[in-house]
Amino acid sequence: MVNDGLKIAGREFRSRLIVGTGKYRSFQEMARAHEASGAEIVTVAVRRVNLSDRSKESMLDYIDRTKYFILPNTAGCTTADEAVRTARLAREVGLSNWIKLEVIGDQKTLFPDNFELVKATEILVSEGFVVLPYTNDDLIAARRLVDAGAAAVMPLGAPIGSGLGVQNAANIRILREMITSVPLILDAGVGTASDATVAMELGADAVLMNTGIAAARDTVLMAEAMKHAVIAGREAYLAGRMEKKLYATASSPLAGVVR
């Protein structure tokens, strides 16, 4: 497992857990949870960061950029044009030319608008961005995004912030089988450690989560649990699970036993 790193757009990361910055009770708590998670990539909503007045406290003050790679996201955007402008702003202020691309199509479910998502991906890739789009668990949408130049595909496991876990394991398995040229990162729906393990056992290259940690009673302990869950799920996927059988098979076979 030493050399089993996550590679995105030619850049390698040791951790396969990506964490967010929203919903924490304080920036200090957020920083402690990030440390416990072992994550190296931290996603930040551009629209929720104070970029104009650096004299005021900002969540960026609590993210050590020598330890964490900041992945700006376009949370709150509902059109390709909005998302593109937000990504450009993130790059202009020095956050990154990487972008977690979100274009929301419905405010109740927060499901993505895949038509606008593909459009925004094409524009941003043409401008030199490394684009990681949040999408649904649809193979056709994923293929369109890869064709548009996405550096990864990030399907939801369940609606954002729902904590329901992976709701359509079959679709994630299909995506894993059919999308092989870029990483597959499960994004949204993880509520507890077992959800993260399931996602990794299905073949996800990484898991991105925020609410599952930030809304826990003990955020630091949950962050540590998520770290171990992602590692365990990855190891189980690589090991290959036993075949499922309808009937029992003795753990100590009697074949060859002298009676």
Protein backbone atom coordinates (compact mmCIF):
# COMPACT_ATOMS: atom_id res chain seq x y z
CA MET A 1 0.00 0.00 0.00
CA VAL A 2 3.02 2.30 0.31
CA ASN A 3 2.96 3.22 -3.39
CA ASP A 4 -0.81 3.19 -3.75
CA GLY A 5 -1.25 6.94 -4.18
CA LEU A 6 -4.13 8.86 -5.69
CA LYS A 7 -3.08 10.53 -8.94
CA ILE A 8 -5.11 13.38 -10.45
CA ALA A 9 -3.90 15.30 -13.50
CA GLY A 10 -0.36 14.06 -12.92
CA ARG A 11 -0.26 15.11 -9.26
CA GLU A 12 -0.02 12.40 -6.61
CA PHE A 13 -1.56 12.40 -3.15
CA ARG A 14 -1.02 9.85 -0.40
CA SER A 15 -4.51 10.15 1.09
CA ARG A 16 -7.65 9.06 -0.76
CA LEU A 17 -9.87 11.12 1.53
CA ILE A 18 -10.86 14.65 0.50
CA VAL A 19 -12.57 16.87 3.07
CA GLY A 20 -14.59 20.07 3.06
CA THR A 21 -14.77 23.20 5.18
CA GLY A 22 -18.48 23.93 5.71
CA LYS A 23 -20.82 23.45 8.68
CA TYR A 24 -18.18 23.26 11.41
CA ARG A 25 -18.97 24.96 14.70
CA SER A 26 -15.73 26.93 14.53
CA PHE A 27 -12.67 27.30 12.34
CA GLN A 28 -10.58 25.84 15.14
CA GLU A 29 -12.71 22.69 15.19
CA MET A 30 -12.41 22.47 11.41
CA ALA A 31 -8.62 22.62 11.62
CA ARG A 32 -8.50 19.84 14.24
CA ALA A 33 -10.77 17.63 12.11
CA HIS A 34 -8.64 18.20 9.02
CA GLU A 35 -5.56 17.14 10.95
CA ALA A 36 -7.25 13.97 12.24
CA SER A 37 -8.54 13.02 8.78
CA GLY A 38 -5.10 12.70 7.26
CA ALA A 39 -6.48 14.34 4.12
CA GLU A 40 -4.23 16.34 1.82
CA ILE A 41 -6.93 17.97 -0.32
CA VAL A 42 -9.37 20.44 1.25
CA THR A 43 -12.22 21.86 -0.79
CA VAL A 44 -13.33 25.46 -0.19
CA ALA A 45 -16.47 27.17 -1.49
CA VAL A 46 -15.24 30.30 -3.28
CA ARG A 47 -18.48 32.18 -2.60
CA ARG A 48 -18.18 31.61 1.13
CA VAL A 49 -14.65 32.91 1.52
CA ASN A 50 -13.82 36.53 2.23
CA LEU A 51 -11.47 37.35 -0.64
CA SER A 52 -11.72 41.14 -0.60
CA ASP A 53 -10.84 42.17 2.97
CA ARG A 54 -7.82 40.19 4.14
CA SER A 55 -7.83 42.06 7.47
CA LYS A 56 -10.88 40.05 8.58
CA GLU A 57 -10.80 36.47 9.82
CA SER A 58 -11.20 33.86 7.09
CA MET A 59 -11.35 30.08 7.02
CA LEU A 60 -8.24 30.27 4.84
CA ASP A 61 -6.35 31.44 7.93
CA TYR A 62 -6.98 27.98 9.41
CA ILE A 63 -5.80 25.94 6.43
CA ASP A 64 -2.04 25.44 6.33
CA ARG A 65 -1.24 25.58 2.63
CA THR A 66 2.10 23.89 3.20
CA LYS A 67 0.17 20.82 4.37
CA TYR A 68 -3.08 20.97 2.40
CA PHE A 69 -3.85 21.42 -1.28
CA ILE A 70 -6.80 23.81 -1.61
CA LEU A 71 -9.45 22.78 -4.11
CA PRO A 72 -11.83 25.71 -4.70
CA ASN A 73 -15.41 24.78 -5.56
CA THR A 74 -18.24 26.59 -7.30
CA ALA A 75 -20.93 25.73 -4.73
CA GLY A 76 -24.08 27.78 -5.16
CA CYS A 77 -23.72 28.26 -8.92
CA THR A 78 -26.72 27.37 -11.07
CA THR A 79 -25.47 28.14 -14.58
CA ALA A 80 -22.31 27.44 -16.55
CA ASP A 81 -21.61 31.18 -16.82
CA GLU A 82 -21.81 31.61 -13.03
CA ALA A 83 -19.54 28.65 -12.41
CA VAL A 84 -16.97 29.83 -14.95
CA ARG A 85 -16.85 33.32 -13.41
CA THR A 86 -16.42 31.82 -9.93
CA ALA A 87 -13.58 29.57 -11.10
CA ARG A 88 -11.83 32.51 -12.75
CA LEU A 89 -12.11 34.50 -9.53
CA ALA A 90 -10.58 31.65 -7.53
CA ARG A 91 -7.61 31.56 -9.88
CA GLU A 92 -7.21 35.34 -9.97
CA VAL A 93 -6.94 35.60 -6.18
CA GLY A 94 -4.37 32.83 -6.08
CA LEU A 95 -6.39 29.92 -4.71
CA SER A 96 -5.76 27.44 -7.53
CA ASN A 97 -6.26 26.64 -11.18
CA TRP A 98 -7.90 23.42 -10.01
CA ILE A 99 -11.65 23.63 -9.54
CA LYS A 100 -14.30 21.35 -8.12
CA LEU A 101 -17.07 22.23 -10.52
CA GLU A 102 -20.63 22.37 -9.21
CA VAL A 103 -23.60 23.55 -11.26
CA ILE A 104 -26.81 22.90 -9.32
CA GLY A 105 -30.00 22.24 -11.26
CA ASP A 106 -32.52 21.84 -8.43
CA GLN A 107 -32.48 23.61 -5.08
CA LYS A 108 -34.40 20.98 -3.11
CA THR A 109 -32.33 17.96 -4.12
CA LEU A 110 -29.16 19.85 -5.08
CA PHE A 111 -28.85 17.52 -8.05
CA PRO A 112 -26.42 18.76 -10.71
CA ASP A 113 -27.43 20.25 -14.04
CA ASN A 114 -25.33 18.01 -16.27
CA PHE A 115 -26.03 20.01 -19.43
CA GLU A 116 -24.59 23.18 -17.89
CA LEU A 117 -21.86 21.13 -16.20
CA VAL A 118 -20.51 19.82 -19.51
CA LYS A 119 -20.64 23.31 -21.00
CA ALA A 120 -18.69 24.80 -18.08
CA THR A 121 -16.16 21.97 -18.17
CA GLU A 122 -15.41 22.59 -21.85
CA ILE A 123 -14.87 26.30 -21.25
CA LEU A 124 -12.68 25.91 -18.18
CA VAL A 125 -10.54 23.15 -19.66
CA SER A 126 -9.93 25.37 -22.71
CA GLU A 127 -8.68 28.06 -20.28
CA GLY A 128 -6.19 25.75 -18.57
CA PHE A 129 -8.16 24.72 -15.50
CA VAL A 130 -7.97 21.25 -13.96
CA VAL A 131 -11.68 20.46 -13.65
CA LEU A 132 -13.21 17.97 -11.21
CA PRO A 133 -16.99 18.02 -11.82
CA TYR A 134 -19.64 16.96 -9.32
CA THR A 135 -22.24 14.95 -11.22
CA ASN A 136 -24.86 12.27 -10.70
CA ASP A 137 -24.21 8.54 -10.98
CA ASP A 138 -25.00 8.45 -14.69
CA LEU A 139 -22.60 6.76 -17.11
CA ILE A 140 -23.54 8.90 -20.11
CA ALA A 141 -23.03 12.17 -18.22
CA ALA A 142 -19.69 10.86 -16.94
CA ARG A 143 -18.54 10.02 -20.45
CA ARG A 144 -19.53 13.47 -21.70
CA LEU A 145 -17.50 15.07 -18.92
CA VAL A 146 -14.45 12.95 -19.67
CA ASP A 147 -14.76 13.83 -23.36
CA ALA A 148 -14.95 17.51 -22.33
CA GLY A 149 -11.59 17.16 -20.58
CA ALA A 150 -12.50 16.58 -16.93
CA ALA A 151 -9.55 15.43 -14.80
CA ALA A 152 -11.85 13.28 -12.65
CA VAL A 153 -15.50 12.32 -12.41
CA MET A 154 -17.23 12.89 -9.06
CA PRO A 155 -20.60 11.11 -8.88
CA LEU A 156 -22.86 11.54 -5.88
CA GLY A 157 -23.54 8.59 -3.61
CA ALA A 158 -26.72 10.27 -2.34
CA PRO A 159 -28.00 13.86 -2.18
CA ILE A 160 -25.56 16.40 -0.70
CA GLY A 161 -25.67 16.45 3.09
CA SER A 162 -28.19 13.60 3.33
CA GLY A 163 -25.91 11.08 5.03
CA LEU A 164 -27.77 8.25 3.29
CA GLY A 165 -24.64 6.48 2.04
CA VAL A 166 -24.32 4.93 -1.42
CA GLN A 167 -27.88 4.56 -2.68
CA ASN A 168 -27.18 2.98 -6.06
CA ALA A 169 -24.23 0.65 -5.72
CA ALA A 170 -24.89 -0.85 -9.16
CA ASN A 171 -24.38 2.50 -10.87
CA ILE A 172 -21.11 3.12 -9.03
CA ARG A 173 -19.90 -0.33 -10.07
CA ILE A 174 -20.83 0.40 -13.68
CA LEU A 175 -19.01 3.72 -13.56
CA ARG A 176 -15.96 2.00 -12.08
CA GLU A 177 -15.94 -0.55 -14.89
CA MET A 178 -16.56 1.93 -17.71
CA ILE A 179 -14.64 5.04 -16.58
CA THR A 180 -10.97 4.13 -16.45
CA SER A 181 -9.07 7.06 -17.94
CA VAL A 182 -9.62 9.43 -14.98
CA PRO A 183 -10.16 8.93 -11.24
CA LEU A 184 -13.64 8.18 -9.93
CA ILE A 185 -14.27 10.14 -6.72
CA LEU A 186 -17.46 9.55 -4.76
CA ASP A 187 -18.85 12.93 -3.73
CA ALA A 188 -21.83 13.51 -1.41
CA GLY A 189 -23.99 11.29 0.75
CA VAL A 190 -21.43 9.80 3.16
CA GLY A 191 -22.83 9.82 6.70
CA THR A 192 -20.56 7.51 8.63
CA ALA A 193 -17.41 5.47 8.26
CA SER A 194 -19.09 2.37 6.82
CA ASP A 195 -20.46 4.48 3.95
CA ALA A 196 -16.93 5.52 3.02
CA THR A 197 -15.74 1.92 3.19
CA VAL A 198 -18.56 0.76 0.89
CA ALA A 199 -17.71 3.47 -1.64
CA MET A 200 -14.08 2.39 -1.72
CA GLU A 201 -14.97 -1.31 -1.88
CA LEU A 202 -17.09 -0.52 -4.96
CA GLY A 203 -13.94 0.79 -6.60
CA ALA A 204 -14.00 4.53 -6.02
CA ASP A 205 -10.51 6.00 -6.21
CA ALA A 206 -11.29 8.48 -3.43
CA VAL A 207 -14.14 9.84 -1.33
CA LEU A 208 -15.00 13.50 -0.76
CA MET A 209 -17.05 14.37 2.30
CA ASN A 210 -17.98 17.32 4.48
CA THR A 211 -21.22 16.96 6.45
CA GLY A 212 -20.45 13.40 7.55
CA ILE A 213 -17.57 14.81 9.59
CA ALA A 214 -18.75 18.34 10.37
CA ALA A 215 -22.18 17.25 11.65
CA ALA A 216 -20.87 14.46 13.88
CA ARG A 217 -21.06 14.90 17.65
CA ASP A 218 -17.28 14.50 17.82
CA THR A 219 -15.94 15.84 14.56
CA VAL A 220 -12.31 15.01 15.27
CA LEU A 221 -13.06 11.40 16.17
CA MET A 222 -15.29 11.00 13.10
CA ALA A 223 -12.58 12.47 10.88
CA GLU A 224 -10.17 9.86 12.19
CA ALA A 225 -12.76 7.13 11.64
CA MET A 226 -13.23 8.27 8.04
CA LYS A 227 -9.48 8.10 7.48
CA HIS A 228 -9.37 4.47 8.58
CA ALA A 229 -12.57 3.63 6.66
CA VAL A 230 -11.18 4.86 3.36
CA ILE A 231 -7.94 2.93 3.88
CA ALA A 232 -9.82 -0.26 4.83
CA GLY A 233 -12.17 0.02 1.86
CA ARG A 234 -9.30 0.53 -0.56
CA GLU A 235 -7.38 -2.46 0.83
CA ALA A 236 -10.49 -4.67 0.62
CA TYR A 237 -11.09 -3.61 -2.98
CA LEU A 238 -7.51 -4.43 -3.95
CA ALA A 239 -7.60 -7.72 -2.04
CA GLY A 240 -10.77 -8.92 -3.79
CA ARG A 241 -13.64 -10.15 -1.66
CA MET A 242 -14.64 -13.80 -1.38
CA GLU A 243 -17.36 -15.15 -3.62
CA LYS A 244 -20.88 -14.86 -2.22
CA LYS A 245 -22.66 -18.19 -1.83
CA LEU A 246 -26.22 -19.11 -0.97
CA TYR A 247 -25.31 -22.03 1.29
CA ALA A 248 -22.74 -22.64 3.99
CA THR A 249 -19.18 -23.73 3.35
CA ALA A 250 -17.26 -25.16 6.27
CA SER A 251 -14.42 -22.98 7.48
CA SER A 252 -12.47 -26.18 8.20
CA PRO A 253 -13.18 -28.49 5.22
CA LEU A 254 -13.38 -32.19 5.98
CA ALA A 255 -11.68 -33.21 2.72
CA GLY A 256 -8.54 -35.20 3.52
CA VAL A 257 -9.49 -35.68 7.17
CA VAL A 258 -8.77 -39.24 8.40
CA ARG A 259 -11.76 -40.74 10.20
